[in-house]
Amino acid sequence: MFDCDGTLVDTEICWNRAYTALFHHHGRTFTATDHATLIGQPMPVVGRLLATILGFPTHHSTRLADDILDLALAELATGAPARPGAIHLVRALADRGYRLAVASSAPRTLVHQHLTATRLTDAFPVVLCAEDTDQPKPHPDIYLQACTRLGAAPARSIAIEDSPPGVLAARTAGMYVIGVPVHPDITLAAHLTATDLNAPHLRTALGVPTGETPACPVENAPMPRGPACCPQEATHTGQRKPQQPLWAADDRASGLP
């Protein structure tokens, strides 16, 4: 299960420009500390945090959240690139029989815009966004919903996240978590971390050999089928059975560390 903004798609530059403009408008400088505070938070929380940081009464939270979303949408209108390795990894996982989901704190409009731009819409039979829960990350609800929709036990599922709230949400849900922070100064309490989705140890953990070409063309890949999260139980026609992922070692049927 993937987060979207910052994980599948590199939206941080767009959001940083939006925050920089908003802070400048209010006579403040957007700092690395501000970024670390705001990253991965749902919009209602962003509004409250902005009110605190910028020195506004709490009743201005909704207006500030609307302002930053409008600025971000303007920046994102020209499109945001996929993070390195994202498209290849999603297609390779689909080839191996993973059932995939998106579990994002971003508004549905943004999530579907990103999936359409990266041509990954068909790869995710389940897409959950901010509108699908009233308990956003770091609460585990959106991940628990995604597991239910996929018919997958959280203890046998994997979340890939770029932010501290997302990692906490997935870990609280009982999932194995892979962290791919956008910035090296962001510390994630994930079971495994990598600089990007091309990292060899990340792909080895998922049973996807580095440099492998997905069996299906990116533009015409079929909807994934098979086990939700256990590629060692799935085989692709004409291919060898993939190696057992590292997280499945030691027969950890009751959960992951």
C-alpha atoms as a PDB file:
ATOM      1  CA  MET A   1       0.000   0.000   0.000  1.00  0.00           C
ATOM      2  CA  PHE A   2       1.399   3.321  -1.083  1.00  0.00           C
ATOM      3  CA  ASP A   3       1.018   6.828   0.152  1.00  0.00           C
ATOM      4  CA  CYS A   4       0.748   9.182  -2.827  1.00  0.00           C
ATOM      5  CA  ASP A   5       2.101  12.716  -2.345  1.00  0.00           C
ATOM      6  CA  GLY A   6       5.816  12.505  -1.722  1.00  0.00           C
ATOM      7  CA  THR A   7       5.898   8.715  -2.072  1.00  0.00           C
ATOM      8  CA  LEU A   8       4.657   7.886  -5.564  1.00  0.00           C
ATOM      9  CA  VAL A   9       4.856  11.441  -6.852  1.00  0.00           C
ATOM     10  CA  ASP A  10       7.450  14.100  -6.050  1.00  0.00           C
ATOM     11  CA  THR A  11       5.115  16.902  -5.017  1.00  0.00           C
ATOM     12  CA  GLU A  12       7.375  18.397  -2.371  1.00  0.00           C
ATOM     13  CA  ILE A  13       8.809  21.064  -4.660  1.00  0.00           C
ATOM     14  CA  CYS A  14       5.297  22.248  -5.496  1.00  0.00           C
ATOM     15  CA  TRP A  15       4.169  22.254  -1.871  1.00  0.00           C
ATOM     16  CA  ASN A  16       7.354  24.014  -0.761  1.00  0.00           C
ATOM     17  CA  ARG A  17       6.767  26.763  -3.310  1.00  0.00           C
ATOM     18  CA  ALA A  18       3.197  27.120  -2.084  1.00  0.00           C
ATOM     19  CA  TYR A  19       4.263  27.287   1.566  1.00  0.00           C
ATOM     20  CA  THR A  20       7.047  29.743   0.743  1.00  0.00           C
ATOM     21  CA  ALA A  21       4.546  32.042  -0.983  1.00  0.00           C
ATOM     22  CA  LEU A  22       2.047  31.818   1.886  1.00  0.00           C
ATOM     23  CA  PHE A  23       4.669  32.489   4.539  1.00  0.00           C
ATOM     24  CA  HIS A  24       6.108  35.390   2.523  1.00  0.00           C
ATOM     25  CA  HIS A  25       2.611  36.881   2.232  1.00  0.00           C
ATOM     26  CA  HIS A  26       2.386  36.861   6.027  1.00  0.00           C
ATOM     27  CA  GLY A  27       5.867  38.247   6.551  1.00  0.00           C
ATOM     28  CA  ARG A  28       7.514  34.984   7.538  1.00  0.00           C
ATOM     29  CA  THR A  29      10.210  32.709   6.106  1.00  0.00           C
ATOM     30  CA  PHE A  30       9.330  29.061   5.457  1.00  0.00           C
ATOM     31  CA  THR A  31      12.028  26.998   7.184  1.00  0.00           C
ATOM     32  CA  ALA A  32      13.137  23.369   7.241  1.00  0.00           C
ATOM     33  CA  THR A  33      11.581  23.087  10.704  1.00  0.00           C
ATOM     34  CA  ASP A  34       8.246  24.287   9.328  1.00  0.00           C
ATOM     35  CA  HIS A  35       8.503  21.724   6.522  1.00  0.00           C
ATOM     36  CA  ALA A  36       9.187  18.894   8.972  1.00  0.00           C
ATOM     37  CA  THR A  37       6.191  19.974  11.050  1.00  0.00           C
ATOM     38  CA  LEU A  38       3.753  20.132   8.137  1.00  0.00           C
ATOM     39  CA  ILE A  39       4.825  17.217   5.914  1.00  0.00           C
ATOM     40  CA  GLY A  40       2.332  14.382   5.640  1.00  0.00           C
ATOM     41  CA  GLN A  41      -0.364  16.085   7.685  1.00  0.00           C
ATOM     42  CA  PRO A  42      -4.035  16.123   6.576  1.00  0.00           C
ATOM     43  CA  MET A  43      -5.429  19.495   5.569  1.00  0.00           C
ATOM     44  CA  PRO A  44      -7.428  20.192   8.776  1.00  0.00           C
ATOM     45  CA  VAL A  45      -4.260  19.624  10.805  1.00  0.00           C
ATOM     46  CA  VAL A  46      -2.239  21.737   8.357  1.00  0.00           C
ATOM     47  CA  GLY A  47      -4.675  24.599   8.922  1.00  0.00           C
ATOM     48  CA  ARG A  48      -4.319  24.394  12.694  1.00  0.00           C
ATOM     49  CA  LEU A  49      -0.528  24.159  12.476  1.00  0.00           C
ATOM     50  CA  LEU A  50      -0.359  27.131  10.123  1.00  0.00           C
ATOM     51  CA  ALA A  51      -2.459  29.203  12.515  1.00  0.00           C
ATOM     52  CA  THR A  52      -0.028  28.395  15.314  1.00  0.00           C
ATOM     53  CA  ILE A  53       3.136  28.958  13.273  1.00  0.00           C
ATOM     54  CA  LEU A  54       1.916  32.186  11.690  1.00  0.00           C
ATOM     55  CA  GLY A  55       0.421  33.537  14.897  1.00  0.00           C
ATOM     56  CA  PHE A  56      -3.274  33.537  13.966  1.00  0.00           C
ATOM     57  CA  PRO A  57      -6.224  32.657  16.219  1.00  0.00           C
ATOM     58  CA  THR A  58      -7.420  29.077  15.743  1.00  0.00           C
ATOM     59  CA  HIS A  59     -10.611  30.174  13.991  1.00  0.00           C
ATOM     60  CA  HIS A  60      -8.444  31.154  11.002  1.00  0.00           C
ATOM     61  CA  SER A  61      -7.367  27.520  10.524  1.00  0.00           C
ATOM     62  CA  THR A  62      -9.889  26.664   7.820  1.00  0.00           C
ATOM     63  CA  ARG A  63      -9.061  29.775   5.806  1.00  0.00           C
ATOM     64  CA  LEU A  64      -5.332  29.073   6.021  1.00  0.00           C
ATOM     65  CA  ALA A  65      -5.861  25.453   4.934  1.00  0.00           C
ATOM     66  CA  ASP A  66      -7.913  26.679   1.960  1.00  0.00           C
ATOM     67  CA  ASP A  67      -5.254  29.250   1.068  1.00  0.00           C
ATOM     68  CA  ILE A  68      -2.383  26.757   1.053  1.00  0.00           C
ATOM     69  CA  LEU A  69      -4.420  24.213  -0.893  1.00  0.00           C
ATOM     70  CA  ASP A  70      -5.258  26.814  -3.552  1.00  0.00           C
ATOM     71  CA  LEU A  71      -1.597  27.774  -3.831  1.00  0.00           C
ATOM     72  CA  ALA A  72      -0.523  24.129  -4.038  1.00  0.00           C
ATOM     73  CA  LEU A  73      -3.134  23.320  -6.682  1.00  0.00           C
ATOM     74  CA  ALA A  74      -1.832  26.204  -8.785  1.00  0.00           C
ATOM     75  CA  GLU A  75       1.714  24.836  -8.488  1.00  0.00           C
ATOM     76  CA  LEU A  76       0.576  21.278  -9.221  1.00  0.00           C
ATOM     77  CA  ALA A  77      -1.506  22.286 -12.253  1.00  0.00           C
ATOM     78  CA  THR A  78       1.487  21.747 -14.532  1.00  0.00           C
ATOM     79  CA  GLY A  79       1.985  18.243 -13.097  1.00  0.00           C
ATOM     80  CA  ALA A  80       4.422  16.646 -10.678  1.00  0.00           C
ATOM     81  CA  PRO A  81       6.913  13.946 -11.693  1.00  0.00           C
ATOM     82  CA  ALA A  82       6.851  10.405 -10.341  1.00  0.00           C
ATOM     83  CA  ARG A  83       9.534   9.702  -7.782  1.00  0.00           C
ATOM     84  CA  PRO A  84      12.502   7.760  -9.178  1.00  0.00           C
ATOM     85  CA  GLY A  85      11.584   4.104  -9.553  1.00  0.00           C
ATOM     86  CA  ALA A  86       7.907   4.559  -8.636  1.00  0.00           C
ATOM     87  CA  ILE A  87       6.278   3.562 -11.920  1.00  0.00           C
ATOM     88  CA  HIS A  88       8.634   0.629 -12.482  1.00  0.00           C
ATOM     89  CA  LEU A  89       8.141  -0.656  -8.918  1.00  0.00           C
ATOM     90  CA  VAL A  90       4.347  -0.475  -9.056  1.00  0.00           C
ATOM     91  CA  ARG A  91       4.242  -2.337 -12.370  1.00  0.00           C
ATOM     92  CA  ALA A  92       6.740  -4.950 -11.192  1.00  0.00           C
ATOM     93  CA  LEU A  93       4.710  -5.585  -8.032  1.00  0.00           C
ATOM     94  CA  ALA A  94       1.527  -5.913 -10.085  1.00  0.00           C
ATOM     95  CA  ASP A  95       3.284  -8.421 -12.353  1.00  0.00           C
ATOM     96  CA  ARG A  96       4.076 -10.510  -9.275  1.00  0.00           C
ATOM     97  CA  GLY A  97       0.498 -10.701  -8.101  1.00  0.00           C
ATOM     98  CA  TYR A  98       0.441  -8.043  -5.412  1.00  0.00           C
ATOM     99  CA  ARG A  99      -2.921  -6.389  -4.877  1.00  0.00           C
ATOM    100  CA  LEU A 100      -2.125  -2.722  -4.511  1.00  0.00           C
ATOM    101  CA  ALA A 101      -3.789   0.211  -2.813  1.00  0.00           C
ATOM    102  CA  VAL A 102      -3.231   3.915  -2.327  1.00  0.00           C
ATOM    103  CA  ALA A 103      -3.861   5.257   1.177  1.00  0.00           C
ATOM    104  CA  SER A 104      -3.407   9.016   1.111  1.00  0.00           C
ATOM    105  CA  SER A 105      -4.196  11.984   3.342  1.00  0.00           C
ATOM    106  CA  ALA A 106      -4.463  14.196   0.247  1.00  0.00           C
ATOM    107  CA  PRO A 107      -7.795  15.280  -1.270  1.00  0.00           C
ATOM    108  CA  ARG A 108      -9.233  12.869  -3.840  1.00  0.00           C
ATOM    109  CA  THR A 109      -8.889  15.402  -6.667  1.00  0.00           C
ATOM    110  CA  LEU A 110      -5.134  15.597  -6.157  1.00  0.00           C
ATOM    111  CA  VAL A 111      -4.629  11.849  -5.781  1.00  0.00           C
ATOM    112  CA  HIS A 112      -6.498  11.014  -8.972  1.00  0.00           C
ATOM    113  CA  GLN A 113      -4.669  13.806 -10.813  1.00  0.00           C
ATOM    114  CA  HIS A 114      -1.343  12.238  -9.811  1.00  0.00           C
ATOM    115  CA  LEU A 115      -2.369   8.687 -10.696  1.00  0.00           C
ATOM    116  CA  THR A 116      -3.683   9.809 -14.071  1.00  0.00           C
ATOM    117  CA  ALA A 117      -0.542  11.792 -14.867  1.00  0.00           C
ATOM    118  CA  THR A 118       1.701   8.815 -14.026  1.00  0.00           C
ATOM    119  CA  ARG A 119      -0.615   6.332 -15.820  1.00  0.00           C
ATOM    120  CA  LEU A 120      -0.937   4.230 -12.670  1.00  0.00           C
ATOM    121  CA  THR A 121      -4.704   4.469 -12.166  1.00  0.00           C
ATOM    122  CA  ASP A 122      -5.330   0.921 -13.379  1.00  0.00           C
ATOM    123  CA  ALA A 123      -2.684  -0.535 -11.036  1.00  0.00           C
ATOM    124  CA  PHE A 124      -4.637   0.297  -7.871  1.00  0.00           C
ATOM    125  CA  PRO A 125      -7.994  -1.434  -7.340  1.00  0.00           C
ATOM    126  CA  VAL A 126      -8.328   0.451  -4.047  1.00  0.00           C
ATOM    127  CA  VAL A 127      -7.691   4.194  -3.696  1.00  0.00           C
ATOM    128  CA  LEU A 128      -8.487   5.847  -0.368  1.00  0.00           C
ATOM    129  CA  CYS A 129      -8.115   9.587   0.185  1.00  0.00           C
ATOM    130  CA  ALA A 130      -8.776  12.275   2.782  1.00  0.00           C
ATOM    131  CA  GLU A 131     -12.526  12.136   2.135  1.00  0.00           C
ATOM    132  CA  ASP A 132     -12.662   8.437   3.069  1.00  0.00           C
ATOM    133  CA  THR A 133     -11.907   8.850   6.772  1.00  0.00           C
ATOM    134  CA  ASP A 134     -12.640  11.256   9.602  1.00  0.00           C
ATOM    135  CA  GLN A 135      -9.577   9.940  11.444  1.00  0.00           C
ATOM    136  CA  PRO A 136      -6.603  10.917   9.253  1.00  0.00           C
ATOM    137  CA  LYS A 137      -2.997   9.846   9.644  1.00  0.00           C
ATOM    138  CA  PRO A 138      -1.313   9.309  12.091  1.00  0.00           C
ATOM    139  CA  HIS A 139      -4.500   7.411  13.053  1.00  0.00           C
ATOM    140  CA  PRO A 140      -4.378   3.953  11.407  1.00  0.00           C
ATOM    141  CA  ASP A 141      -7.960   4.047  10.064  1.00  0.00           C
ATOM    142  CA  ILE A 142      -7.140   4.630   6.390  1.00  0.00           C
ATOM    143  CA  TYR A 143      -4.679   1.714   6.372  1.00  0.00           C
ATOM    144  CA  LEU A 144      -7.083  -0.568   8.195  1.00  0.00           C
ATOM    145  CA  GLN A 145      -9.749   0.340   5.639  1.00  0.00           C
ATOM    146  CA  ALA A 146      -7.348  -0.405   2.784  1.00  0.00           C
ATOM    147  CA  CYS A 147      -6.501  -3.811   4.262  1.00  0.00           C
ATOM    148  CA  THR A 148     -10.191  -4.625   4.604  1.00  0.00           C
ATOM    149  CA  ARG A 149     -10.914  -3.571   1.026  1.00  0.00           C
ATOM    150  CA  LEU A 150      -8.058  -5.741  -0.259  1.00  0.00           C
ATOM    151  CA  GLY A 151      -8.956  -8.676   1.978  1.00  0.00           C
ATOM    152  CA  ALA A 152      -5.485  -8.538   3.510  1.00  0.00           C
ATOM    153  CA  ALA A 153      -4.389  -8.981   7.119  1.00  0.00           C
ATOM    154  CA  PRO A 154      -2.443  -5.910   8.319  1.00  0.00           C
ATOM    155  CA  ALA A 155       0.278  -8.156   9.762  1.00  0.00           C
ATOM    156  CA  ARG A 156       0.885  -9.546   6.250  1.00  0.00           C
ATOM    157  CA  SER A 157       0.731  -6.188   4.485  1.00  0.00           C
ATOM    158  CA  ILE A 158       3.308  -3.556   3.575  1.00  0.00           C
ATOM    159  CA  ALA A 159       2.997   0.229   3.606  1.00  0.00           C
ATOM    160  CA  ILE A 160       5.384   2.527   1.747  1.00  0.00           C
ATOM    161  CA  GLU A 161       5.493   6.039   3.215  1.00  0.00           C
ATOM    162  CA  ASP A 162       7.522   9.242   3.108  1.00  0.00           C
ATOM    163  CA  SER A 163       6.338  11.070   6.242  1.00  0.00           C
ATOM    164  CA  PRO A 164       6.373  10.510  10.026  1.00  0.00           C
ATOM    165  CA  PRO A 165       2.537  10.652  10.357  1.00  0.00           C
ATOM    166  CA  GLY A 166       2.148   8.086   7.576  1.00  0.00           C
ATOM    167  CA  VAL A 167       4.727   5.745   9.059  1.00  0.00           C
ATOM    168  CA  LEU A 168       3.075   5.977  12.482  1.00  0.00           C
ATOM    169  CA  ALA A 169      -0.352   5.280  10.962  1.00  0.00           C
ATOM    170  CA  ALA A 170       0.855   2.151   9.184  1.00  0.00           C
ATOM    171  CA  ARG A 171       2.825   0.853  12.169  1.00  0.00           C
ATOM    172  CA  THR A 172      -0.150   1.391  14.476  1.00  0.00           C
ATOM    173  CA  ALA A 173      -2.254  -0.590  11.998  1.00  0.00           C
ATOM    174  CA  GLY A 174       0.186  -3.475  12.488  1.00  0.00           C
ATOM    175  CA  MET A 175       1.804  -3.305   9.055  1.00  0.00           C
ATOM    176  CA  TYR A 176       5.406  -3.651   7.918  1.00  0.00           C
ATOM    177  CA  VAL A 177       6.559  -0.179   6.874  1.00  0.00           C
ATOM    178  CA  ILE A 178       9.096   0.927   4.301  1.00  0.00           C
ATOM    179  CA  GLY A 179      10.125   4.557   4.600  1.00  0.00           C
ATOM    180  CA  VAL A 180      11.301   6.625   1.616  1.00  0.00           C
ATOM    181  CA  PRO A 181      11.806  10.157   2.933  1.00  0.00           C
ATOM    182  CA  VAL A 182      12.070  12.909   0.356  1.00  0.00           C
ATOM    183  CA  HIS A 183      14.720  14.699   2.400  1.00  0.00           C
ATOM    184  CA  PRO A 184      17.630  12.996   4.179  1.00  0.00           C
ATOM    185  CA  ASP A 185      17.063  15.109   7.301  1.00  0.00           C
ATOM    186  CA  ILE A 186      13.640  13.500   7.867  1.00  0.00           C
ATOM    187  CA  THR A 187      13.869  10.551  10.250  1.00  0.00           C
ATOM    188  CA  LEU A 188      11.277   7.809   9.791  1.00  0.00           C
ATOM    189  CA  ALA A 189      10.598   5.074  12.359  1.00  0.00           C
ATOM    190  CA  ALA A 190      10.092   2.508   9.592  1.00  0.00           C
ATOM    191  CA  HIS A 191      11.196  -1.134   9.600  1.00  0.00           C
ATOM    192  CA  LEU A 192      13.251  -0.436   6.468  1.00  0.00           C
ATOM    193  CA  THR A 193      14.295   2.889   4.942  1.00  0.00           C
ATOM    194  CA  ALA A 194      15.612   3.819   1.505  1.00  0.00           C
ATOM    195  CA  THR A 195      16.519   7.010  -0.298  1.00  0.00           C
ATOM    196  CA  ASP A 196      14.156   6.209  -3.170  1.00  0.00           C
ATOM    197  CA  LEU A 197      12.116   3.437  -4.767  1.00  0.00           C
ATOM    198  CA  ASN A 198      15.061   2.307  -6.906  1.00  0.00           C
ATOM    199  CA  ALA A 199      17.114   1.252  -3.884  1.00  0.00           C
ATOM    200  CA  PRO A 200      18.367  -2.345  -4.336  1.00  0.00           C
ATOM    201  CA  HIS A 201      17.699  -3.369  -0.712  1.00  0.00           C
ATOM    202  CA  LEU A 202      14.108  -2.089  -0.957  1.00  0.00           C
ATOM    203  CA  ARG A 203      13.494  -4.069  -4.147  1.00  0.00           C
ATOM    204  CA  THR A 204      15.125  -7.160  -2.696  1.00  0.00           C
ATOM    205  CA  ALA A 205      12.859  -6.908   0.342  1.00  0.00           C
ATOM    206  CA  LEU A 206       9.847  -6.834  -1.981  1.00  0.00           C
ATOM    207  CA  GLY A 207      11.102  -9.670  -4.171  1.00  0.00           C
ATOM    208  CA  VAL A 208      11.629  -7.412  -7.185  1.00  0.00           C
ATOM    209  CA  PRO A 209      15.119  -7.791  -8.704  1.00  0.00           C
ATOM    210  CA  THR A 210      16.867  -4.515  -9.421  1.00  0.00           C
ATOM    211  CA  GLY A 211      16.753  -3.528 -13.081  1.00  0.00           C
ATOM    212  CA  GLU A 212      14.008  -5.989 -14.019  1.00  0.00           C
ATOM    213  CA  THR A 213      11.617  -4.810 -16.715  1.00  0.00           C
ATOM    214  CA  PRO A 214       7.909  -5.236 -15.885  1.00  0.00           C
ATOM    215  CA  ALA A 215       6.162  -7.823 -18.037  1.00  0.00           C
ATOM    216  CA  CYS A 216       3.365  -5.410 -18.953  1.00  0.00           C
ATOM    217  CA  PRO A 217       3.815  -2.138 -20.831  1.00  0.00           C
ATOM    218  CA  VAL A 218       3.269   0.827 -18.538  1.00  0.00           C
ATOM    219  CA  GLU A 219       0.470   2.165 -20.720  1.00  0.00           C
ATOM    220  CA  ASN A 220      -1.474  -1.097 -20.977  1.00  0.00           C
ATOM    221  CA  ALA A 221      -0.862  -3.026 -17.767  1.00  0.00           C
ATOM    222  CA  PRO A 222      -3.809  -5.164 -16.580  1.00  0.00           C
ATOM    223  CA  MET A 223      -5.456  -4.855 -13.177  1.00  0.00           C
ATOM    224  CA  PRO A 224      -3.351  -6.781 -10.643  1.00  0.00           C
ATOM    225  CA  ARG A 225      -4.575 -10.137  -9.379  1.00  0.00           C
ATOM    226  CA  GLY A 226      -3.481 -12.601  -6.727  1.00  0.00           C
ATOM    227  CA  PRO A 227      -2.356 -12.458  -3.119  1.00  0.00           C
ATOM    228  CA  ALA A 228      -2.568  -9.047  -1.492  1.00  0.00           C
ATOM    229  CA  CYS A 229       0.910  -8.959  -0.093  1.00  0.00           C
ATOM    230  CA  CYS A 230       2.717 -12.289  -0.371  1.00  0.00           C
ATOM    231  CA  PRO A 231       4.565 -12.453  -3.708  1.00  0.00           C
ATOM    232  CA  GLN A 232       6.203 -15.724  -2.699  1.00  0.00           C
ATOM    233  CA  GLU A 233       2.758 -17.310  -3.188  1.00  0.00           C
ATOM    234  CA  ALA A 234       2.285 -15.925  -6.702  1.00  0.00           C
ATOM    235  CA  THR A 235       3.884 -16.903  -9.983  1.00  0.00           C
ATOM    236  CA  HIS A 236       3.728 -15.032 -13.243  1.00  0.00           C
ATOM    237  CA  THR A 237       3.158 -17.093 -16.388  1.00  0.00           C
ATOM    238  CA  GLY A 238       6.439 -18.082 -17.945  1.00  0.00           C
ATOM    239  CA  GLN A 239       8.524 -16.753 -15.066  1.00  0.00           C
ATOM    240  CA  ARG A 240      10.244 -18.358 -12.134  1.00  0.00           C
ATOM    241  CA  LYS A 241       8.666 -18.101  -8.714  1.00  0.00           C
ATOM    242  CA  PRO A 242      10.096 -14.896  -7.159  1.00  0.00           C
ATOM    243  CA  GLN A 243      12.411 -15.092  -4.198  1.00  0.00           C
ATOM    244  CA  GLN A 244      10.975 -14.788  -0.715  1.00  0.00           C
ATOM    245  CA  PRO A 245      10.985 -11.154   0.448  1.00  0.00           C
ATOM    246  CA  LEU A 246      13.169 -10.381   3.434  1.00  0.00           C
ATOM    247  CA  TRP A 247      10.216  -9.284   5.543  1.00  0.00           C
ATOM    248  CA  ALA A 248       8.621 -12.732   5.176  1.00  0.00           C
ATOM    249  CA  ALA A 249      11.670 -14.589   6.484  1.00  0.00           C
ATOM    250  CA  ASP A 250      11.623 -16.612   9.681  1.00  0.00           C
ATOM    251  CA  ASP A 251       7.988 -17.604   9.131  1.00  0.00           C
ATOM    252  CA  ARG A 252       6.638 -14.498  10.855  1.00  0.00           C
ATOM    253  CA  ALA A 253       3.013 -15.480  10.311  1.00  0.00           C
ATOM    254  CA  SER A 254       1.842 -13.686  13.419  1.00  0.00           C
ATOM    255  CA  GLY A 255       3.271 -10.307  12.479  1.00  0.00           C
ATOM    256  CA  LEU A 256       6.317  -8.342  11.515  1.00  0.00           C
ATOM    257  CA  PRO A 257       8.833  -6.525  13.695  1.00  0.00           C
END
